[in-house]
Amino acid sequence: MDDIAQDPASSTPAERVARGRSIWHRYSAEYASAAPEDAIADLLHFADTTEIPGGAETVLERAQIHYTAERP
């Protein structure tokens, strides 16, 4: 699980948290003054410029579904 940021198959909440934490550590190491919002904005821009159907809007909708499903 050391390299979970490279594993898109992780699907449990704990695995996604670990993957997000790993990604954040890599991002913040390169951009020392970055805030989590900066990483999220960069990922959404990436979603808009790749071949993701619906781009950032679709990514945000899916993220909201996952996030609210995992809250108590």
C-alpha atoms as a PDB file:
ATOM      1  CA  MET A   1       0.000   0.000   0.000  1.00  0.00           C
ATOM      2  CA  ASP A   2       3.037   2.277  -0.070  1.00  0.00           C
ATOM      3  CA  ASP A   3       2.269   3.317  -3.627  1.00  0.00           C
ATOM      4  CA  ILE A   4      -1.518   3.486  -3.453  1.00  0.00           C
ATOM      5  CA  ALA A   5      -1.504   6.786  -5.359  1.00  0.00           C
ATOM      6  CA  GLN A   6      -0.697   4.724  -8.440  1.00  0.00           C
ATOM      7  CA  ASP A   7      -3.525   2.236  -7.781  1.00  0.00           C
ATOM      8  CA  PRO A   8      -6.820   3.398  -9.324  1.00  0.00           C
ATOM      9  CA  ALA A   9      -8.465   0.137  -8.211  1.00  0.00           C
ATOM     10  CA  SER A  10      -8.621   1.212  -4.552  1.00  0.00           C
ATOM     11  CA  SER A  11     -12.298   1.556  -3.804  1.00  0.00           C
ATOM     12  CA  THR A  12     -12.929   1.495  -0.072  1.00  0.00           C
ATOM     13  CA  PRO A  13     -13.092   4.809   1.791  1.00  0.00           C
ATOM     14  CA  ALA A  14      -9.904   3.973   3.678  1.00  0.00           C
ATOM     15  CA  GLU A  15      -8.072   3.125   0.463  1.00  0.00           C
ATOM     16  CA  ARG A  16      -9.237   6.340  -1.199  1.00  0.00           C
ATOM     17  CA  VAL A  17      -8.122   8.364   1.824  1.00  0.00           C
ATOM     18  CA  ALA A  18      -4.718   6.697   1.697  1.00  0.00           C
ATOM     19  CA  ARG A  19      -4.489   7.345  -2.041  1.00  0.00           C
ATOM     20  CA  GLY A  20      -5.494  10.970  -1.591  1.00  0.00           C
ATOM     21  CA  ARG A  21      -2.985  11.438   1.227  1.00  0.00           C
ATOM     22  CA  SER A  22      -0.213   9.957  -0.920  1.00  0.00           C
ATOM     23  CA  ILE A  23      -1.143  12.208  -3.839  1.00  0.00           C
ATOM     24  CA  TRP A  24      -1.248  15.224  -1.523  1.00  0.00           C
ATOM     25  CA  HIS A  25       2.221  14.461  -0.129  1.00  0.00           C
ATOM     26  CA  ARG A  26       3.632  14.311  -3.649  1.00  0.00           C
ATOM     27  CA  TYR A  27       1.844  17.497  -4.730  1.00  0.00           C
ATOM     28  CA  SER A  28       2.795  19.492  -1.634  1.00  0.00           C
ATOM     29  CA  ALA A  29       6.428  18.363  -1.914  1.00  0.00           C
ATOM     30  CA  GLU A  30       6.598  19.970  -5.344  1.00  0.00           C
ATOM     31  CA  TYR A  31       4.502  23.048  -4.482  1.00  0.00           C
ATOM     32  CA  ALA A  32       5.483  23.898  -0.922  1.00  0.00           C
ATOM     33  CA  SER A  33       3.018  26.754  -0.438  1.00  0.00           C
ATOM     34  CA  ALA A  34       0.071  24.870  -1.941  1.00  0.00           C
ATOM     35  CA  ALA A  35      -3.207  24.335  -0.137  1.00  0.00           C
ATOM     36  CA  PRO A  36      -5.474  21.318  -0.674  1.00  0.00           C
ATOM     37  CA  GLU A  37      -7.795  23.575  -2.701  1.00  0.00           C
ATOM     38  CA  ASP A  38      -4.935  24.183  -5.153  1.00  0.00           C
ATOM     39  CA  ALA A  39      -4.506  20.468  -5.771  1.00  0.00           C
ATOM     40  CA  ILE A  40      -8.266  20.019  -6.221  1.00  0.00           C
ATOM     41  CA  ALA A  41      -8.440  22.934  -8.667  1.00  0.00           C
ATOM     42  CA  ASP A  42      -5.504  21.544 -10.649  1.00  0.00           C
ATOM     43  CA  LEU A  43      -7.161  18.121 -10.823  1.00  0.00           C
ATOM     44  CA  LEU A  44     -10.418  19.687 -12.023  1.00  0.00           C
ATOM     45  CA  HIS A  45      -8.547  21.625 -14.721  1.00  0.00           C
ATOM     46  CA  PHE A  46      -6.923  18.336 -15.698  1.00  0.00           C
ATOM     47  CA  ALA A  47     -10.375  16.724 -15.941  1.00  0.00           C
ATOM     48  CA  ASP A  48     -11.503  19.508 -18.281  1.00  0.00           C
ATOM     49  CA  THR A  49      -8.490  19.114 -20.569  1.00  0.00           C
ATOM     50  CA  THR A  50      -8.524  15.324 -20.876  1.00  0.00           C
ATOM     51  CA  GLU A  51     -10.956  12.967 -22.508  1.00  0.00           C
ATOM     52  CA  ILE A  52     -13.184  12.589 -19.453  1.00  0.00           C
ATOM     53  CA  PRO A  53     -16.788  12.808 -20.692  1.00  0.00           C
ATOM     54  CA  GLY A  54     -18.332  15.841 -19.009  1.00  0.00           C
ATOM     55  CA  GLY A  55     -14.974  17.023 -17.666  1.00  0.00           C
ATOM     56  CA  ALA A  56     -14.748  18.621 -14.238  1.00  0.00           C
ATOM     57  CA  GLU A  57     -18.512  18.844 -13.806  1.00  0.00           C
ATOM     58  CA  THR A  58     -18.863  15.063 -14.060  1.00  0.00           C
ATOM     59  CA  VAL A  59     -15.903  14.518 -11.745  1.00  0.00           C
ATOM     60  CA  LEU A  60     -17.436  16.861  -9.142  1.00  0.00           C
ATOM     61  CA  GLU A  61     -20.816  15.129  -9.352  1.00  0.00           C
ATOM     62  CA  ARG A  62     -19.238  11.688  -8.850  1.00  0.00           C
ATOM     63  CA  ALA A  63     -17.060  12.990  -6.016  1.00  0.00           C
ATOM     64  CA  GLN A  64     -20.079  14.456  -4.242  1.00  0.00           C
ATOM     65  CA  ILE A  65     -21.921  11.137  -4.505  1.00  0.00           C
ATOM     66  CA  HIS A  66     -18.962   9.252  -3.019  1.00  0.00           C
ATOM     67  CA  TYR A  67     -18.330  11.855  -0.332  1.00  0.00           C
ATOM     68  CA  THR A  68     -21.926  12.044   0.912  1.00  0.00           C
ATOM     69  CA  ALA A  69     -22.294   8.231   0.784  1.00  0.00           C
ATOM     70  CA  GLU A  70     -19.340   7.884   3.157  1.00  0.00           C
ATOM     71  CA  ARG A  71     -20.552  10.398   5.727  1.00  0.00           C
ATOM     72  CA  PRO A  72     -22.430   9.137   8.776  1.00  0.00           C
END
